Amino acid sequence: MRGIVKVISGICGMITDIRATADEQSGTVKLEINTGCENIRDLAGELDIVNPFEEIAFRGEGPETLRLAAMHCKHAACPVPAGIIKAVEVASGLALPKDAAIHVSKEED
């Protein structure tokens, strides 16, 4: 099974394509992450194969995706790490594919 996610990050203008493919024999998920963002490319260079059960919970050390994001992402609000975890969930059959959204606006006083 495969999970495919496109993250349009916002004001930075970066687009990230994530392809997560489950390996039914090993129970792991292989990640392919393509982006114009240097920071996410650095994260992707260290995040190749993950255990989906470790990625979807904060138990223990928490998701490897978020640990590596803390090392490589300069912006804490970057939506790409959440997109990676969503792709892993879908690929592993732990969630159904459904769009998620964050709508951001500013209200003047």
PDB file of N, CA and C in Angstrom:
ATOM      1  N   MET A   1       0.849  -1.170   0.000  1.00  0.00           N
ATOM      2  CA  MET A   1       0.000   0.000   0.000  1.00  0.00           C
ATOM      3  C   MET A   1       0.895   1.234   0.000  1.00  0.00           C
ATOM      4  N   ARG A   2       0.369   2.321  -0.545  1.00  0.00           N
ATOM      5  CA  ARG A   2       1.170   3.537  -0.659  1.00  0.00           C
ATOM      6  C   ARG A   2       0.355   4.731  -0.160  1.00  0.00           C
ATOM      7  N   GLY A   3       1.014   5.634   0.540  1.00  0.00           N
ATOM      8  CA  GLY A   3       0.423   6.903   0.942  1.00  0.00           C
ATOM      9  C   GLY A   3       1.149   8.018   0.221  1.00  0.00           C
ATOM     10  N   ILE A   4       0.381   8.909  -0.393  1.00  0.00           N
ATOM     11  CA  ILE A   4       0.978  10.021  -1.135  1.00  0.00           C
ATOM     12  C   ILE A   4       0.426  11.324  -0.557  1.00  0.00           C
ATOM     13  N   VAL A   5       1.336  12.237  -0.201  1.00  0.00           N
ATOM     14  CA  VAL A   5       0.948  13.509   0.398  1.00  0.00           C
ATOM     15  C   VAL A   5       1.705  14.629  -0.300  1.00  0.00           C
ATOM     16  N   LYS A   6       1.000  15.717  -0.606  1.00  0.00           N
ATOM     17  CA  LYS A   6       1.623  16.940  -1.123  1.00  0.00           C
ATOM     18  C   LYS A   6       1.401  18.008  -0.057  1.00  0.00           C
ATOM     19  N   VAL A   7       2.497  18.601   0.416  1.00  0.00           N
ATOM     20  CA  VAL A   7       2.412  19.658   1.424  1.00  0.00           C
ATOM     21  C   VAL A   7       2.807  20.973   0.766  1.00  0.00           C
ATOM     22  N   ILE A   8       1.892  21.924   0.799  1.00  0.00           N
ATOM     23  CA  ILE A   8       2.167  23.290   0.340  1.00  0.00           C
ATOM     24  C   ILE A   8       2.337  24.104   1.614  1.00  0.00           C
ATOM     25  N   SER A   9       3.572  24.428   1.924  1.00  0.00           N
ATOM     26  CA  SER A   9       3.912  24.884   3.268  1.00  0.00           C
ATOM     27  C   SER A   9       3.440  26.273   3.644  1.00  0.00           C
ATOM     28  N   GLY A  10       3.150  27.122   2.709  1.00  0.00           N
ATOM     29  CA  GLY A  10       2.655  28.453   3.072  1.00  0.00           C
ATOM     30  C   GLY A  10       3.538  29.549   2.537  1.00  0.00           C
ATOM     31  N   ILE A  11       3.818  30.527   3.383  1.00  0.00           N
ATOM     32  CA  ILE A  11       4.503  31.741   2.953  1.00  0.00           C
ATOM     33  C   ILE A  11       5.902  31.487   2.410  1.00  0.00           C
ATOM     34  N   CYS A  12       6.540  30.402   2.816  1.00  0.00           N
ATOM     35  CA  CYS A  12       7.877  30.092   2.287  1.00  0.00           C
ATOM     36  C   CYS A  12       7.801  29.658   0.825  1.00  0.00           C
ATOM     37  N   GLY A  13       6.620  29.232   0.384  1.00  0.00           N
ATOM     38  CA  GLY A  13       6.436  28.839  -1.008  1.00  0.00           C
ATOM     39  C   GLY A  13       6.930  27.437  -1.337  1.00  0.00           C
ATOM     40  N   MET A  14       7.394  26.702  -0.353  1.00  0.00           N
ATOM     41  CA  MET A  14       7.936  25.371  -0.611  1.00  0.00           C
ATOM     42  C   MET A  14       6.820  24.330  -0.744  1.00  0.00           C
ATOM     43  N   ILE A  15       7.020  23.427  -1.685  1.00  0.00           N
ATOM     44  CA  ILE A  15       6.107  22.307  -1.898  1.00  0.00           C
ATOM     45  C   ILE A  15       6.901  21.031  -1.681  1.00  0.00           C
ATOM     46  N   THR A  16       6.325  20.116  -0.928  1.00  0.00           N
ATOM     47  CA  THR A  16       6.986  18.850  -0.638  1.00  0.00           C
ATOM     48  C   THR A  16       6.073  17.709  -1.046  1.00  0.00           C
ATOM     49  N   ASP A  17       6.593  16.797  -1.839  1.00  0.00           N
ATOM     50  CA  ASP A  17       5.876  15.589  -2.232  1.00  0.00           C
ATOM     51  C   ASP A  17       6.435  14.422  -1.440  1.00  0.00           C
ATOM     52  N   ILE A  18       5.533  13.693  -0.789  1.00  0.00           N
ATOM     53  CA  ILE A  18       5.915  12.577   0.071  1.00  0.00           C
ATOM     54  C   ILE A  18       5.247  11.317  -0.456  1.00  0.00           C
ATOM     55  N   ARG A  19       6.032  10.276  -0.626  1.00  0.00           N
ATOM     56  CA  ARG A  19       5.515   8.970  -1.047  1.00  0.00           C
ATOM     57  C   ARG A  19       5.977   7.957  -0.012  1.00  0.00           C
ATOM     58  N   ALA A  20       5.021   7.334   0.641  1.00  0.00           N
ATOM     59  CA  ALA A  20       5.311   6.329   1.661  1.00  0.00           C
ATOM     60  C   ALA A  20       4.812   4.982   1.160  1.00  0.00           C
ATOM     61  N   THR A  21       5.662   3.972   1.182  1.00  0.00           N
ATOM     62  CA  THR A  21       5.305   2.651   0.676  1.00  0.00           C
ATOM     63  C   THR A  21       5.534   1.612   1.760  1.00  0.00           C
ATOM     64  N   ALA A  22       4.471   0.866   2.070  1.00  0.00           N
ATOM     65  CA  ALA A  22       4.561  -0.166   3.104  1.00  0.00           C
ATOM     66  C   ALA A  22       5.237  -1.411   2.558  1.00  0.00           C
ATOM     67  N   ASP A  23       6.085  -1.997   3.383  1.00  0.00           N
ATOM     68  CA  ASP A  23       6.682  -3.294   3.103  1.00  0.00           C
ATOM     69  C   ASP A  23       5.970  -4.284   4.019  1.00  0.00           C
ATOM     70  N   GLU A  24       5.070  -5.063   3.451  1.00  0.00           N
ATOM     71  CA  GLU A  24       4.244  -5.962   4.253  1.00  0.00           C
ATOM     72  C   GLU A  24       5.059  -7.034   4.967  1.00  0.00           C
ATOM     73  N   GLN A  25       6.175  -7.432   4.392  1.00  0.00           N
ATOM     74  CA  GLN A  25       7.007  -8.470   5.018  1.00  0.00           C
ATOM     75  C   GLN A  25       7.661  -7.965   6.311  1.00  0.00           C
ATOM     76  N   SER A  26       8.250  -6.772   6.239  1.00  0.00           N
ATOM     77  CA  SER A  26       8.979  -6.260   7.405  1.00  0.00           C
ATOM     78  C   SER A  26       8.101  -5.410   8.326  1.00  0.00           C
ATOM     79  N   GLY A  27       6.966  -4.945   7.812  1.00  0.00           N
ATOM     80  CA  GLY A  27       6.100  -4.078   8.605  1.00  0.00           C
ATOM     81  C   GLY A  27       6.575  -2.642   8.662  1.00  0.00           C
ATOM     82  N   THR A  28       7.580  -2.296   7.870  1.00  0.00           N
ATOM     83  CA  THR A  28       8.117  -0.938   7.854  1.00  0.00           C
ATOM     84  C   THR A  28       7.535  -0.152   6.682  1.00  0.00           C
ATOM     85  N   VAL A  29       7.837   1.134   6.665  1.00  0.00           N
ATOM     86  CA  VAL A  29       7.408   2.020   5.574  1.00  0.00           C
ATOM     87  C   VAL A  29       8.628   2.738   5.036  1.00  0.00           C
ATOM     88  N   LYS A  30       8.791   2.691   3.709  1.00  0.00           N
ATOM     89  CA  LYS A  30       9.885   3.394   3.034  1.00  0.00           C
ATOM     90  C   LYS A  30       9.377   4.751   2.585  1.00  0.00           C
ATOM     91  N   LEU A  31      10.189   5.773   2.789  1.00  0.00           N
ATOM     92  CA  LEU A  31       9.808   7.138   2.443  1.00  0.00           C
ATOM     93  C   LEU A  31      10.631   7.679   1.286  1.00  0.00           C
ATOM     94  N   GLU A  32       9.953   8.364   0.380  1.00  0.00           N
ATOM     95  CA  GLU A  32      10.598   9.151  -0.677  1.00  0.00           C
ATOM     96  C   GLU A  32      10.055  10.564  -0.522  1.00  0.00           C
ATOM     97  N   ILE A  33      10.945  11.515  -0.272  1.00  0.00           N
ATOM     98  CA  ILE A  33      10.538  12.892  -0.012  1.00  0.00           C
ATOM     99  C   ILE A  33      11.262  13.799  -0.998  1.00  0.00           C
ATOM    100  N   ASN A  34      10.480  14.527  -1.794  1.00  0.00           N
ATOM    101  CA  ASN A  34      11.032  15.452  -2.779  1.00  0.00           C
ATOM    102  C   ASN A  34      10.568  16.863  -2.450  1.00  0.00           C
ATOM    103  N   THR A  35      11.529  17.793  -2.368  1.00  0.00           N
ATOM    104  CA  THR A  35      11.203  19.156  -1.972  1.00  0.00           C
ATOM    105  C   THR A  35      12.278  20.123  -2.448  1.00  0.00           C
ATOM    106  N   GLY A  36      11.924  21.372  -2.509  1.00  0.00           N
ATOM    107  CA  GLY A  36      12.892  22.414  -2.795  1.00  0.00           C
ATOM    108  C   GLY A  36      13.535  22.964  -1.535  1.00  0.00           C
ATOM    109  N   CYS A  37      13.037  22.550  -0.374  1.00  0.00           N
ATOM    110  CA  CYS A  37      13.528  23.068   0.903  1.00  0.00           C
ATOM    111  C   CYS A  37      14.778  22.308   1.345  1.00  0.00           C
ATOM    112  N   GLU A  38      15.843  23.034   1.532  1.00  0.00           N
ATOM    113  CA  GLU A  38      17.110  22.432   1.953  1.00  0.00           C
ATOM    114  C   GLU A  38      16.984  21.745   3.320  1.00  0.00           C
ATOM    115  N   ASN A  39      16.240  22.347   4.230  1.00  0.00           N
ATOM    116  CA  ASN A  39      16.084  21.775   5.567  1.00  0.00           C
ATOM    117  C   ASN A  39      15.332  20.451   5.524  1.00  0.00           C
ATOM    118  N   ILE A  40      14.277  20.387   4.725  1.00  0.00           N
ATOM    119  CA  ILE A  40      13.510  19.142   4.606  1.00  0.00           C
ATOM    120  C   ILE A  40      14.325  18.100   3.854  1.00  0.00           C
ATOM    121  N   ARG A  41      15.131  18.524   2.890  1.00  0.00           N
ATOM    122  CA  ARG A  41      16.022  17.558   2.218  1.00  0.00           C
ATOM    123  C   ARG A  41      16.993  16.943   3.210  1.00  0.00           C
ATOM    124  N   ASP A  42      17.512  17.745   4.141  1.00  0.00           N
ATOM    125  CA  ASP A  42      18.405  17.220   5.184  1.00  0.00           C
ATOM    126  C   ASP A  42      17.664  16.211   6.061  1.00  0.00           C
ATOM    127  N   LEU A  43      16.435  16.546   6.445  1.00  0.00           N
ATOM    128  CA  LEU A  43      15.613  15.623   7.236  1.00  0.00           C
ATOM    129  C   LEU A  43      15.393  14.330   6.453  1.00  0.00           C
ATOM    130  N   ALA A  44      15.018  14.457   5.192  1.00  0.00           N
ATOM    131  CA  ALA A  44      14.736  13.288   4.351  1.00  0.00           C
ATOM    132  C   ALA A  44      15.962  12.399   4.190  1.00  0.00           C
ATOM    133  N   GLY A  45      17.141  13.007   4.184  1.00  0.00           N
ATOM    134  CA  GLY A  45      18.374  12.234   4.060  1.00  0.00           C
ATOM    135  C   GLY A  45      18.596  11.275   5.215  1.00  0.00           C
ATOM    136  N   GLU A  46      17.985  11.560   6.352  1.00  0.00           N
ATOM    137  CA  GLU A  46      18.120  10.697   7.524  1.00  0.00           C
ATOM    138  C   GLU A  46      16.878   9.851   7.784  1.00  0.00           C
ATOM    139  N   LEU A  47      15.803  10.118   7.044  1.00  0.00           N
ATOM    140  CA  LEU A  47      14.523   9.447   7.295  1.00  0.00           C
ATOM    141  C   LEU A  47      14.155   8.632   6.071  1.00  0.00           C
ATOM    142  N   ASP A  48      14.584   7.393   6.045  1.00  0.00           N
ATOM    143  CA  ASP A  48      14.402   6.533   4.884  1.00  0.00           C
ATOM    144  C   ASP A  48      13.339   5.470   5.128  1.00  0.00           C
ATOM    145  N   ILE A  49      13.508   4.713   6.195  1.00  0.00           N
ATOM    146  CA  ILE A  49      12.584   3.629   6.537  1.00  0.00           C
ATOM    147  C   ILE A  49      12.169   3.810   7.988  1.00  0.00           C
ATOM    148  N   VAL A  50      10.850   3.745   8.239  1.00  0.00           N
ATOM    149  CA  VAL A  50      10.344   3.957   9.593  1.00  0.00           C
ATOM    150  C   VAL A  50       9.410   2.828  10.015  1.00  0.00           C
ATOM    151  N   ASN A  51       9.254   2.691  11.316  1.00  0.00           N
ATOM    152  CA  ASN A  51       8.287   1.780  11.901  1.00  0.00           C
ATOM    153  C   ASN A  51       7.000   2.582  12.105  1.00  0.00           C
ATOM    154  N   PRO A  52       5.916   2.244  11.411  1.00  0.00           N
ATOM    155  CA  PRO A  52       4.706   3.070  11.491  1.00  0.00           C
ATOM    156  C   PRO A  52       4.116   3.157  12.895  1.00  0.00           C
ATOM    157  N   PHE A  53       4.230   2.109  13.701  1.00  0.00           N
ATOM    158  CA  PHE A  53       3.667   2.151  15.054  1.00  0.00           C
ATOM    159  C   PHE A  53       4.430   3.109  15.949  1.00  0.00           C
ATOM    160  N   GLU A  54       5.714   3.307  15.688  1.00  0.00           N
ATOM    161  CA  GLU A  54       6.490   4.291  16.442  1.00  0.00           C
ATOM    162  C   GLU A  54       6.222   5.712  15.956  1.00  0.00           C
ATOM    163  N   GLU A  55       5.850   5.851  14.688  1.00  0.00           N
ATOM    164  CA  GLU A  55       5.616   7.180  14.121  1.00  0.00           C
ATOM    165  C   GLU A  55       4.291   7.796  14.556  1.00  0.00           C
ATOM    166  N   ILE A  56       3.302   6.983  14.877  1.00  0.00           N
ATOM    167  CA  ILE A  56       1.962   7.538  15.127  1.00  0.00           C
ATOM    168  C   ILE A  56       1.681   7.831  16.598  1.00  0.00           C
ATOM    169  N   ALA A  57       2.653   7.655  17.484  1.00  0.00           N
ATOM    170  CA  ALA A  57       2.399   7.860  18.911  1.00  0.00           C
ATOM    171  C   ALA A  57       3.533   8.638  19.562  1.00  0.00           C
ATOM    172  N   PHE A  58       3.224   9.282  20.667  1.00  0.00           N
ATOM    173  CA  PHE A  58       4.232  10.001  21.441  1.00  0.00           C
ATOM    174  C   PHE A  58       4.835   9.143  22.544  1.00  0.00           C
ATOM    175  N   ARG A  59       4.505   7.855  22.576  1.00  0.00           N
ATOM    176  CA  ARG A  59       5.082   6.961  23.588  1.00  0.00           C
ATOM    177  C   ARG A  59       6.589   6.815  23.357  1.00  0.00           C
ATOM    178  N   GLY A  60       7.289   6.494  24.424  1.00  0.00           N
ATOM    179  CA  GLY A  60       8.738   6.294  24.309  1.00  0.00           C
ATOM    180  C   GLY A  60       9.433   7.567  23.859  1.00  0.00           C
ATOM    181  N   GLU A  61      10.287   7.446  22.866  1.00  0.00           N
ATOM    182  CA  GLU A  61      11.028   8.605  22.348  1.00  0.00           C
ATOM    183  C   GLU A  61      10.198   9.445  21.391  1.00  0.00           C
ATOM    184  N   GLY A  62       9.006   8.979  21.041  1.00  0.00           N
ATOM    185  CA  GLY A  62       8.165   9.701  20.101  1.00  0.00           C
ATOM    186  C   GLY A  62       8.570   9.407  18.667  1.00  0.00           C
ATOM    187  N   PRO A  63       7.871   9.993  17.722  1.00  0.00           N
ATOM    188  CA  PRO A  63       8.137   9.726  16.310  1.00  0.00           C
ATOM    189  C   PRO A  63       9.541  10.171  15.871  1.00  0.00           C
ATOM    190  N   GLU A  64      10.202   9.310  15.135  1.00  0.00           N
ATOM    191  CA  GLU A  64      11.520   9.665  14.588  1.00  0.00           C
ATOM    192  C   GLU A  64      11.403  10.891  13.692  1.00  0.00           C
ATOM    193  N   THR A  65      10.301  10.996  12.961  1.00  0.00           N
ATOM    194  CA  THR A  65      10.072  12.157  12.090  1.00  0.00           C
ATOM    195  C   THR A  65      10.167  13.448  12.882  1.00  0.00           C
ATOM    196  N   LEU A  66       9.533  13.502  14.036  1.00  0.00           N
ATOM    197  CA  LEU A  66       9.546  14.737  14.832  1.00  0.00           C
ATOM    198  C   LEU A  66      10.890  14.979  15.492  1.00  0.00           C
ATOM    199  N   ARG A  67      11.572  13.927  15.898  1.00  0.00           N
ATOM    200  CA  ARG A  67      12.917  14.102  16.473  1.00  0.00           C
ATOM    201  C   ARG A  67      13.869  14.692  15.431  1.00  0.00           C
ATOM    202  N   LEU A  68      13.809  14.155  14.206  1.00  0.00           N
ATOM    203  CA  LEU A  68      14.679  14.676  13.142  1.00  0.00           C
ATOM    204  C   LEU A  68      14.241  16.070  12.709  1.00  0.00           C
ATOM    205  N   ALA A  69      12.951  16.338  12.715  1.00  0.00           N
ATOM    206  CA  ALA A  69      12.458  17.676  12.365  1.00  0.00           C
ATOM    207  C   ALA A  69      13.008  18.707  13.351  1.00  0.00           C
ATOM    208  N   ALA A  70      13.073  18.347  14.619  1.00  0.00           N
ATOM    209  CA  ALA A  70      13.622  19.273  15.619  1.00  0.00           C
ATOM    210  C   ALA A  70      15.093  19.596  15.333  1.00  0.00           C
ATOM    211  N   MET A  71      15.795  18.668  14.711  1.00  0.00           N
ATOM    212  CA  MET A  71      17.199  18.887  14.371  1.00  0.00           C
ATOM    213  C   MET A  71      17.368  19.681  13.073  1.00  0.00           C
ATOM    214  N   HIS A  72      16.474  19.479  12.109  1.00  0.00           N
ATOM    215  CA  HIS A  72      16.689  20.024  10.770  1.00  0.00           C
ATOM    216  C   HIS A  72      15.778  21.185  10.372  1.00  0.00           C
ATOM    217  N   CYS A  73      14.566  21.213  10.867  1.00  0.00           N
ATOM    218  CA  CYS A  73      13.631  22.284  10.482  1.00  0.00           C
ATOM    219  C   CYS A  73      13.920  23.525  11.312  1.00  0.00           C
ATOM    220  N   LYS A  74      14.031  24.636  10.642  1.00  0.00           N
ATOM    221  CA  LYS A  74      14.285  25.884  11.351  1.00  0.00           C
ATOM    222  C   LYS A  74      12.984  26.527  11.833  1.00  0.00           C
ATOM    223  N   HIS A  75      11.847  26.048  11.316  1.00  0.00           N
ATOM    224  CA  HIS A  75      10.557  26.650  11.625  1.00  0.00           C
ATOM    225  C   HIS A  75       9.656  25.622  12.310  1.00  0.00           C
ATOM    226  N   ALA A  76       9.348  25.852  13.571  1.00  0.00           N
ATOM    227  CA  ALA A  76       8.575  24.886  14.356  1.00  0.00           C
ATOM    228  C   ALA A  76       7.181  24.646  13.793  1.00  0.00           C
ATOM    229  N   ALA A  77       6.623  25.595  13.060  1.00  0.00           N
ATOM    230  CA  ALA A  77       5.275  25.447  12.514  1.00  0.00           C
ATOM    231  C   ALA A  77       5.265  24.793  11.134  1.00  0.00           C
ATOM    232  N   CYS A  78       6.390  24.326  10.659  1.00  0.00           N
ATOM    233  CA  CYS A  78       6.452  23.670   9.352  1.00  0.00           C
ATOM    234  C   CYS A  78       5.480  22.480   9.328  1.00  0.00           C
ATOM    235  N   PRO A  79       4.581  22.414   8.343  1.00  0.00           N
ATOM    236  CA  PRO A  79       3.602  21.324   8.288  1.00  0.00           C
ATOM    237  C   PRO A  79       4.139  20.037   7.666  1.00  0.00           C
ATOM    238  N   VAL A  80       5.354  20.052   7.146  1.00  0.00           N
ATOM    239  CA  VAL A  80       5.876  18.871   6.456  1.00  0.00           C
ATOM    240  C   VAL A  80       6.011  17.658   7.374  1.00  0.00           C
ATOM    241  N   PRO A  81       6.551  17.794   8.602  1.00  0.00           N
ATOM    242  CA  PRO A  81       6.640  16.598   9.448  1.00  0.00           C
ATOM    243  C   PRO A  81       5.286  15.921   9.681  1.00  0.00           C
ATOM    244  N   ALA A  82       4.242  16.698   9.884  1.00  0.00           N
ATOM    245  CA  ALA A  82       2.904  16.110  10.047  1.00  0.00           C
ATOM    246  C   ALA A  82       2.467  15.420   8.763  1.00  0.00           C
ATOM    247  N   GLY A  83       2.802  16.003   7.619  1.00  0.00           N
ATOM    248  CA  GLY A  83       2.481  15.376   6.337  1.00  0.00           C
ATOM    249  C   GLY A  83       3.190  14.050   6.154  1.00  0.00           C
ATOM    250  N   ILE A  84       4.431  13.968   6.615  1.00  0.00           N
ATOM    251  CA  ILE A  84       5.183  12.712   6.534  1.00  0.00           C
ATOM    252  C   ILE A  84       4.480  11.639   7.365  1.00  0.00           C
ATOM    253  N   ILE A  85       4.098  12.004   8.578  1.00  0.00           N
ATOM    254  CA  ILE A  85       3.430  11.037   9.454  1.00  0.00           C
ATOM    255  C   ILE A  85       2.086  10.624   8.868  1.00  0.00           C
ATOM    256  N   LYS A  86       1.348  11.543   8.269  1.00  0.00           N
ATOM    257  CA  LYS A  86       0.078  11.200   7.619  1.00  0.00           C
ATOM    258  C   LYS A  86       0.312  10.190   6.497  1.00  0.00           C
ATOM    259  N   ALA A  87       1.349  10.390   5.694  1.00  0.00           N
ATOM    260  CA  ALA A  87       1.652   9.458   4.608  1.00  0.00           C
ATOM    261  C   ALA A  87       1.980   8.070   5.148  1.00  0.00           C
ATOM    262  N   VAL A  88       2.725   8.025   6.245  1.00  0.00           N
ATOM    263  CA  VAL A  88       3.077   6.744   6.874  1.00  0.00           C
ATOM    264  C   VAL A  88       1.822   6.044   7.375  1.00  0.00           C
ATOM    265  N   GLU A  89       0.919   6.788   8.009  1.00  0.00           N
ATOM    266  CA  GLU A  89      -0.329   6.204   8.501  1.00  0.00           C
ATOM    267  C   GLU A  89      -1.124   5.547   7.379  1.00  0.00           C
ATOM    268  N   VAL A  90      -1.259   6.251   6.273  1.00  0.00           N
ATOM    269  CA  VAL A  90      -2.049   5.734   5.150  1.00  0.00           C
ATOM    270  C   VAL A  90      -1.365   4.517   4.535  1.00  0.00           C
ATOM    271  N   ALA A  91      -0.064   4.617   4.314  1.00  0.00           N
ATOM    272  CA  ALA A  91       0.666   3.504   3.684  1.00  0.00           C
ATOM    273  C   ALA A  91       0.568   2.232   4.511  1.00  0.00           C
ATOM    274  N   SER A  92       0.580   2.376   5.820  1.00  0.00           N
ATOM    275  CA  SER A  92       0.575   1.206   6.703  1.00  0.00           C
ATOM    276  C   SER A  92      -0.831   0.727   7.050  1.00  0.00           C
ATOM    277  N   GLY A  93      -1.844   1.418   6.547  1.00  0.00           N
ATOM    278  CA  GLY A  93      -3.219   1.022   6.829  1.00  0.00           C
ATOM    279  C   GLY A  93      -3.702   1.438   8.208  1.00  0.00           C
ATOM    280  N   LEU A  94      -2.995   2.358   8.857  1.00  0.00           N
ATOM    281  CA  LEU A  94      -3.388   2.820  10.184  1.00  0.00           C
ATOM    282  C   LEU A  94      -4.328   4.015  10.139  1.00  0.00           C
ATOM    283  N   ALA A  95      -4.566   4.562   8.949  1.00  0.00           N
ATOM    284  CA  ALA A  95      -5.524   5.651   8.753  1.00  0.00           C
ATOM    285  C   ALA A  95      -5.995   5.624   7.307  1.00  0.00           C
ATOM    286  N   LEU A  96      -7.197   6.123   7.110  1.00  0.00           N
ATOM    287  CA  LEU A  96      -7.714   6.256   5.754  1.00  0.00           C
ATOM    288  C   LEU A  96      -7.225   7.575   5.168  1.00  0.00           C
ATOM    289  N   PRO A  97      -7.059   7.634   3.840  1.00  0.00           N
ATOM    290  CA  PRO A  97      -6.624   8.896   3.232  1.00  0.00           C
ATOM    291  C   PRO A  97      -7.738   9.943   3.285  1.00  0.00           C
ATOM    292  N   LYS A  98      -7.438  11.071   3.862  1.00  0.00           N
ATOM    293  CA  LYS A  98      -8.372  12.191   3.949  1.00  0.00           C
ATOM    294  C   LYS A  98      -7.547  13.456   4.092  1.00  0.00           C
ATOM    295  N   ASP A  99      -7.882  14.489   3.318  1.00  0.00           N
ATOM    296  CA  ASP A  99      -7.154  15.751   3.405  1.00  0.00           C
ATOM    297  C   ASP A  99      -7.276  16.366   4.790  1.00  0.00           C
ATOM    298  N   ALA A 100      -6.205  17.005   5.209  1.00  0.00           N
ATOM    299  CA  ALA A 100      -6.184  17.823   6.419  1.00  0.00           C
ATOM    300  C   ALA A 100      -5.812  19.230   5.976  1.00  0.00           C
ATOM    301  N   ALA A 101      -6.222  20.241   6.709  1.00  0.00           N
ATOM    302  CA  ALA A 101      -5.937  21.608   6.283  1.00  0.00           C
ATOM    303  C   ALA A 101      -5.685  22.507   7.482  1.00  0.00           C
ATOM    304  N   ILE A 102      -4.859  23.509   7.261  1.00  0.00           N
ATOM    305  CA  ILE A 102      -4.657  24.588   8.220  1.00  0.00           C
ATOM    306  C   ILE A 102      -4.917  25.871   7.438  1.00  0.00           C
ATOM    307  N   HIS A 103      -5.928  26.614   7.811  1.00  0.00           N
ATOM    308  CA  HIS A 103      -6.225  27.880   7.141  1.00  0.00           C
ATOM    309  C   HIS A 103      -5.747  29.011   8.051  1.00  0.00           C
ATOM    310  N   VAL A 104      -4.907  29.882   7.538  1.00  0.00           N
ATOM    311  CA  VAL A 104      -4.288  30.928   8.339  1.00  0.00           C
ATOM    312  C   VAL A 104      -4.735  32.294   7.820  1.00  0.00           C
ATOM    313  N   SER A 105      -5.142  33.154   8.724  1.00  0.00           N
ATOM    314  CA  SER A 105      -5.506  34.516   8.339  1.00  0.00           C
ATOM    315  C   SER A 105      -5.128  35.469   9.473  1.00  0.00           C
ATOM    316  N   LYS A 106      -5.243  36.737   9.194  1.00  0.00           N
ATOM    317  CA  LYS A 106      -4.910  37.753  10.181  1.00  0.00           C
ATOM    318  C   LYS A 106      -6.105  38.684  10.290  1.00  0.00           C
ATOM    319  N   GLU A 107      -6.467  39.029  11.523  1.00  0.00           N
ATOM    320  CA  GLU A 107      -7.575  39.946  11.740  1.00  0.00           C
ATOM    321  C   GLU A 107      -7.016  41.220  12.338  1.00  0.00           C
ATOM    322  N   GLU A 108      -7.320  42.332  11.722  1.00  0.00           N
ATOM    323  CA  GLU A 108      -6.871  43.633  12.243  1.00  0.00           C
ATOM    324  C   GLU A 108      -7.835  44.114  13.321  1.00  0.00           C
ATOM    325  N   ASP A 109      -7.291  44.773  14.346  1.00  0.00           N
ATOM    326  CA  ASP A 109      -8.146  45.330  15.421  1.00  0.00           C
ATOM    327  C   ASP A 109      -8.838  46.572  14.969  1.00  0.00           C
TER     328      ASP A 109
END
